[in-house]
Amino acid sequence: MSLEDRAKATVKNIEGNVQEAVGNLTGDPKTQTEGQEKQAEAKVRHTVENIKDEVKKVID
């Protein structure tokens, strides 16, 4: 498990949440979409880290 990678994914998720909220407040669909994309990227990064953890458990 890479704590640094998980932290980066968490930061990306927070950025996405904030960006989506700003898009919602301003009515800007582009900003909303970009925020949602960041959140999806963060979810993928977390999933990759979970897979790495599981593989490490099997190897150990």
PDB file of N, CA and C in Angstrom:
ATOM      1  N   MET A   1       0.845  -1.175   0.000  1.00  0.00           N
ATOM      2  CA  MET A   1       0.000   0.000   0.000  1.00  0.00           C
ATOM      3  C   MET A   1       0.888   1.236   0.000  1.00  0.00           C
ATOM      4  N   SER A   2       0.579   2.117  -0.870  1.00  0.00           N
ATOM      5  CA  SER A   2       1.312   3.369  -0.910  1.00  0.00           C
ATOM      6  C   SER A   2       0.462   4.459  -0.267  1.00  0.00           C
ATOM      7  N   LEU A   3       0.872   4.838   0.894  1.00  0.00           N
ATOM      8  CA  LEU A   3       0.138   5.876   1.622  1.00  0.00           C
ATOM      9  C   LEU A   3       0.131   7.180   0.828  1.00  0.00           C
ATOM     10  N   GLU A   4       1.245   7.455   0.168  1.00  0.00           N
ATOM     11  CA  GLU A   4       1.348   8.678  -0.634  1.00  0.00           C
ATOM     12  C   GLU A   4       0.337   8.662  -1.786  1.00  0.00           C
ATOM     13  N   ASP A   5       0.203   7.522  -2.460  1.00  0.00           N
ATOM     14  CA  ASP A   5      -0.753   7.419  -3.570  1.00  0.00           C
ATOM     15  C   ASP A   5      -2.187   7.547  -3.076  1.00  0.00           C
ATOM     16  N   ARG A   6      -2.470   6.959  -1.930  1.00  0.00           N
ATOM     17  CA  ARG A   6      -3.819   7.079  -1.362  1.00  0.00           C
ATOM     18  C   ARG A   6      -4.113   8.533  -0.983  1.00  0.00           C
ATOM     19  N   ALA A   7      -3.122   9.218  -0.440  1.00  0.00           N
ATOM     20  CA  ALA A   7      -3.306  10.624  -0.071  1.00  0.00           C
ATOM     21  C   ALA A   7      -3.568  11.475  -1.308  1.00  0.00           C
ATOM     22  N   LYS A   8      -2.826  11.204  -2.371  1.00  0.00           N
ATOM     23  CA  LYS A   8      -3.040  11.948  -3.618  1.00  0.00           C
ATOM     24  C   LYS A   8      -4.438  11.704  -4.161  1.00  0.00           C
ATOM     25  N   ALA A   9      -4.903  10.471  -4.080  1.00  0.00           N
ATOM     26  CA  ALA A   9      -6.245  10.146  -4.558  1.00  0.00           C
ATOM     27  C   ALA A   9      -7.299  10.853  -3.720  1.00  0.00           C
ATOM     28  N   THR A  10      -7.076  10.918  -2.420  1.00  0.00           N
ATOM     29  CA  THR A  10      -8.020  11.601  -1.536  1.00  0.00           C
ATOM     30  C   THR A  10      -8.065  13.094  -1.846  1.00  0.00           C
ATOM     31  N   VAL A  11      -6.908  13.678  -2.073  1.00  0.00           N
ATOM     32  CA  VAL A  11      -6.849  15.103  -2.428  1.00  0.00           C
ATOM     33  C   VAL A  11      -7.574  15.341  -3.751  1.00  0.00           C
ATOM     34  N   LYS A  12      -7.361  14.457  -4.717  1.00  0.00           N
ATOM     35  CA  LYS A  12      -8.029  14.578  -6.018  1.00  0.00           C
ATOM     36  C   LYS A  12      -9.546  14.503  -5.844  1.00  0.00           C
ATOM     37  N   ASN A  13     -10.002  13.619  -4.962  1.00  0.00           N
ATOM     38  CA  ASN A  13     -11.437  13.487  -4.706  1.00  0.00           C
ATOM     39  C   ASN A  13     -12.003  14.761  -4.090  1.00  0.00           C
ATOM     40  N   ILE A  14     -11.288  15.320  -3.137  1.00  0.00           N
ATOM     41  CA  ILE A  14     -11.732  16.554  -2.493  1.00  0.00           C
ATOM     42  C   ILE A  14     -11.781  17.688  -3.517  1.00  0.00           C
ATOM     43  N   GLU A  15     -10.740  17.787  -4.344  1.00  0.00           N
ATOM     44  CA  GLU A  15     -10.735  18.807  -5.394  1.00  0.00           C
ATOM     45  C   GLU A  15     -11.949  18.653  -6.300  1.00  0.00           C
ATOM     46  N   GLY A  16     -12.242  17.421  -6.659  1.00  0.00           N
ATOM     47  CA  GLY A  16     -13.380  17.157  -7.528  1.00  0.00           C
ATOM     48  C   GLY A  16     -14.697  17.540  -6.878  1.00  0.00           C
ATOM     49  N   ASN A  17     -14.835  17.230  -5.596  1.00  0.00           N
ATOM     50  CA  ASN A  17     -16.058  17.599  -4.872  1.00  0.00           C
ATOM     51  C   ASN A  17     -16.244  19.111  -4.838  1.00  0.00           C
ATOM     52  N   VAL A  18     -15.161  19.820  -4.548  1.00  0.00           N
ATOM     53  CA  VAL A  18     -15.230  21.277  -4.481  1.00  0.00           C
ATOM     54  C   VAL A  18     -15.546  21.852  -5.859  1.00  0.00           C
ATOM     55  N   GLN A  19     -14.860  21.342  -6.873  1.00  0.00           N
ATOM     56  CA  GLN A  19     -15.068  21.848  -8.225  1.00  0.00           C
ATOM     57  C   GLN A  19     -16.503  21.585  -8.693  1.00  0.00           C
ATOM     58  N   GLU A  20     -17.018  20.415  -8.401  1.00  0.00           N
ATOM     59  CA  GLU A  20     -18.401  20.113  -8.770  1.00  0.00           C
ATOM     60  C   GLU A  20     -19.370  21.045  -8.038  1.00  0.00           C
ATOM     61  N   ALA A  21     -19.116  21.303  -6.755  1.00  0.00           N
ATOM     62  CA  ALA A  21     -19.982  22.194  -5.980  1.00  0.00           C
ATOM     63  C   ALA A  21     -19.946  23.612  -6.543  1.00  0.00           C
ATOM     64  N   VAL A  22     -18.772  24.072  -6.927  1.00  0.00           N
ATOM     65  CA  VAL A  22     -18.660  25.403  -7.527  1.00  0.00           C
ATOM     66  C   VAL A  22     -19.444  25.440  -8.838  1.00  0.00           C
ATOM     67  N   GLY A  23     -19.318  24.388  -9.621  1.00  0.00           N
ATOM     68  CA  GLY A  23     -20.078  24.307 -10.865  1.00  0.00           C
ATOM     69  C   GLY A  23     -21.571  24.324 -10.621  1.00  0.00           C
ATOM     70  N   ASN A  24     -21.998  23.640  -9.573  1.00  0.00           N
ATOM     71  CA  ASN A  24     -23.424  23.639  -9.216  1.00  0.00           C
ATOM     72  C   ASN A  24     -23.896  25.042  -8.824  1.00  0.00           C
ATOM     73  N   LEU A  25     -23.072  25.725  -8.030  1.00  0.00           N
ATOM     74  CA  LEU A  25     -23.444  27.063  -7.566  1.00  0.00           C
ATOM     75  C   LEU A  25     -23.477  28.080  -8.699  1.00  0.00           C
ATOM     76  N   THR A  26     -22.530  27.963  -9.620  1.00  0.00           N
ATOM     77  CA  THR A  26     -22.443  28.938 -10.705  1.00  0.00           C
ATOM     78  C   THR A  26     -23.267  28.532 -11.923  1.00  0.00           C
ATOM     79  N   GLY A  27     -23.734  27.287 -11.926  1.00  0.00           N
ATOM     80  CA  GLY A  27     -24.499  26.807 -13.078  1.00  0.00           C
ATOM     81  C   GLY A  27     -23.624  26.489 -14.271  1.00  0.00           C
ATOM     82  N   ASP A  28     -22.344  26.213 -14.016  1.00  0.00           N
ATOM     83  CA  ASP A  28     -21.387  25.931 -15.096  1.00  0.00           C
ATOM     84  C   ASP A  28     -21.252  24.420 -15.278  1.00  0.00           C
ATOM     85  N   PRO A  29     -21.847  23.865 -16.328  1.00  0.00           N
ATOM     86  CA  PRO A  29     -21.800  22.417 -16.515  1.00  0.00           C
ATOM     87  C   PRO A  29     -20.388  21.891 -16.783  1.00  0.00           C
ATOM     88  N   LYS A  30     -19.528  22.707 -17.392  1.00  0.00           N
ATOM     89  CA  LYS A  30     -18.152  22.269 -17.654  1.00  0.00           C
ATOM     90  C   LYS A  30     -17.404  22.046 -16.342  1.00  0.00           C
ATOM     91  N   THR A  31     -17.561  22.971 -15.426  1.00  0.00           N
ATOM     92  CA  THR A  31     -16.907  22.849 -14.121  1.00  0.00           C
ATOM     93  C   THR A  31     -17.465  21.654 -13.357  1.00  0.00           C
ATOM     94  N   GLN A  32     -18.770  21.457 -13.443  1.00  0.00           N
ATOM     95  CA  GLN A  32     -19.387  20.300 -12.788  1.00  0.00           C
ATOM     96  C   GLN A  32     -18.793  19.001 -13.330  1.00  0.00           C
ATOM     97  N   THR A  33     -18.707  18.913 -14.635  1.00  0.00           N
ATOM     98  CA  THR A  33     -18.191  17.703 -15.276  1.00  0.00           C
ATOM     99  C   THR A  33     -16.735  17.462 -14.922  1.00  0.00           C
ATOM    100  N   GLU A  34     -15.942  18.516 -14.926  1.00  0.00           N
ATOM    101  CA  GLU A  34     -14.532  18.370 -14.561  1.00  0.00           C
ATOM    102  C   GLU A  34     -14.391  17.875 -13.125  1.00  0.00           C
ATOM    103  N   GLY A  35     -15.232  18.366 -12.238  1.00  0.00           N
ATOM    104  CA  GLY A  35     -15.216  17.905 -10.853  1.00  0.00           C
ATOM    105  C   GLY A  35     -15.588  16.439 -10.746  1.00  0.00           C
ATOM    106  N   GLN A  36     -16.583  16.029 -11.512  1.00  0.00           N
ATOM    107  CA  GLN A  36     -16.997  14.626 -11.511  1.00  0.00           C
ATOM    108  C   GLN A  36     -15.899  13.732 -12.075  1.00  0.00           C
ATOM    109  N   GLU A  37     -15.191  14.228 -13.088  1.00  0.00           N
ATOM    110  CA  GLU A  37     -14.085  13.459 -13.669  1.00  0.00           C
ATOM    111  C   GLU A  37     -12.969  13.256 -12.647  1.00  0.00           C
ATOM    112  N   LYS A  38     -12.659  14.294 -11.894  1.00  0.00           N
ATOM    113  CA  LYS A  38     -11.629  14.171 -10.854  1.00  0.00           C
ATOM    114  C   LYS A  38     -12.039  13.149  -9.801  1.00  0.00           C
ATOM    115  N   GLN A  39     -13.318  13.156  -9.442  1.00  0.00           N
ATOM    116  CA  GLN A  39     -13.796  12.191  -8.458  1.00  0.00           C
ATOM    117  C   GLN A  39     -13.696  10.763  -8.997  1.00  0.00           C
ATOM    118  N   ALA A  40     -14.012  10.589 -10.265  1.00  0.00           N
ATOM    119  CA  ALA A  40     -13.909   9.262 -10.876  1.00  0.00           C
ATOM    120  C   ALA A  40     -12.456   8.805 -10.924  1.00  0.00           C
ATOM    121  N   GLU A  41     -11.554   9.725 -11.249  1.00  0.00           N
ATOM    122  CA  GLU A  41     -10.125   9.390 -11.271  1.00  0.00           C
ATOM    123  C   GLU A  41      -9.656   8.964  -9.884  1.00  0.00           C
ATOM    124  N   ALA A  42     -10.106   9.662  -8.866  1.00  0.00           N
ATOM    125  CA  ALA A  42      -9.732   9.323  -7.495  1.00  0.00           C
ATOM    126  C   ALA A  42     -10.241   7.937  -7.125  1.00  0.00           C
ATOM    127  N   LYS A  43     -11.450   7.617  -7.548  1.00  0.00           N
ATOM    128  CA  LYS A  43     -12.014   6.298  -7.265  1.00  0.00           C
ATOM    129  C   LYS A  43     -11.183   5.204  -7.919  1.00  0.00           C
ATOM    130  N   VAL A  44     -10.751   5.443  -9.143  1.00  0.00           N
ATOM    131  CA  VAL A  44      -9.906   4.464  -9.843  1.00  0.00           C
ATOM    132  C   VAL A  44      -8.586   4.299  -9.104  1.00  0.00           C
ATOM    133  N   ARG A  45      -7.999   5.407  -8.689  1.00  0.00           N
ATOM    134  CA  ARG A  45      -6.720   5.327  -7.956  1.00  0.00           C
ATOM    135  C   ARG A  45      -6.876   4.526  -6.659  1.00  0.00           C
ATOM    136  N   HIS A  46      -7.968   4.752  -5.940  1.00  0.00           N
ATOM    137  CA  HIS A  46      -8.202   3.996  -4.707  1.00  0.00           C
ATOM    138  C   HIS A  46      -8.388   2.509  -5.024  1.00  0.00           C
ATOM    139  N   THR A  47      -9.087   2.207  -6.092  1.00  0.00           N
ATOM    140  CA  THR A  47      -9.295   0.812  -6.481  1.00  0.00           C
ATOM    141  C   THR A  47      -7.966   0.142  -6.813  1.00  0.00           C
ATOM    142  N   VAL A  48      -7.104   0.842  -7.521  1.00  0.00           N
ATOM    143  CA  VAL A  48      -5.778   0.300  -7.850  1.00  0.00           C
ATOM    144  C   VAL A  48      -5.003   0.010  -6.574  1.00  0.00           C
ATOM    145  N   GLU A  49      -5.053   0.917  -5.629  1.00  0.00           N
ATOM    146  CA  GLU A  49      -4.345   0.696  -4.367  1.00  0.00           C
ATOM    147  C   GLU A  49      -4.931  -0.498  -3.610  1.00  0.00           C
ATOM    148  N   ASN A  50      -6.248  -0.659  -3.657  1.00  0.00           N
ATOM    149  CA  ASN A  50      -6.868  -1.816  -3.009  1.00  0.00           C
ATOM    150  C   ASN A  50      -6.412  -3.119  -3.667  1.00  0.00           C
ATOM    151  N   ILE A  51      -6.315  -3.114  -4.968  1.00  0.00           N
ATOM    152  CA  ILE A  51      -5.846  -4.309  -5.690  1.00  0.00           C
ATOM    153  C   ILE A  51      -4.405  -4.602  -5.316  1.00  0.00           C
ATOM    154  N   LYS A  52      -3.581  -3.568  -5.255  1.00  0.00           N
ATOM    155  CA  LYS A  52      -2.177  -3.772  -4.848  1.00  0.00           C
ATOM    156  C   LYS A  52      -2.109  -4.406  -3.466  1.00  0.00           C
ATOM    157  N   ASP A  53      -2.945  -3.930  -2.538  1.00  0.00           N
ATOM    158  CA  ASP A  53      -2.974  -4.479  -1.188  1.00  0.00           C
ATOM    159  C   ASP A  53      -3.344  -5.964  -1.203  1.00  0.00           C
ATOM    160  N   GLU A  54      -4.355  -6.306  -1.988  1.00  0.00           N
ATOM    161  CA  GLU A  54      -4.802  -7.693  -2.058  1.00  0.00           C
ATOM    162  C   GLU A  54      -3.726  -8.596  -2.657  1.00  0.00           C
ATOM    163  N   VAL A  55      -3.058  -8.123  -3.702  1.00  0.00           N
ATOM    164  CA  VAL A  55      -1.984  -8.913  -4.318  1.00  0.00           C
ATOM    165  C   VAL A  55      -0.849  -9.119  -3.314  1.00  0.00           C
ATOM    166  N   LYS A  56      -0.523  -8.071  -2.580  1.00  0.00           N
ATOM    167  CA  LYS A  56       0.541  -8.184  -1.582  1.00  0.00           C
ATOM    168  C   LYS A  56       0.178  -9.215  -0.509  1.00  0.00           C
ATOM    169  N   LYS A  57      -1.103  -9.233  -0.097  1.00  0.00           N
ATOM    170  CA  LYS A  57      -1.540 -10.210   0.899  1.00  0.00           C
ATOM    171  C   LYS A  57      -1.375 -11.632   0.368  1.00  0.00           C
ATOM    172  N   VAL A  58      -1.701 -11.844  -0.881  1.00  0.00           N
ATOM    173  CA  VAL A  58      -1.593 -13.180  -1.475  1.00  0.00           C
ATOM    174  C   VAL A  58      -0.123 -13.601  -1.569  1.00  0.00           C
ATOM    175  N   ILE A  59       0.727 -12.665  -1.933  1.00  0.00           N
ATOM    176  CA  ILE A  59       2.153 -12.974  -2.075  1.00  0.00           C
ATOM    177  C   ILE A  59       2.785 -13.271  -0.718  1.00  0.00           C
ATOM    178  N   ASP A  60       2.397 -12.488   0.287  1.00  0.00           N
ATOM    179  CA  ASP A  60       2.959 -12.687   1.626  1.00  0.00           C
ATOM    180  C   ASP A  60       2.346 -13.916   2.220  1.00  0.00           C
TER     181      ASP A  60
END
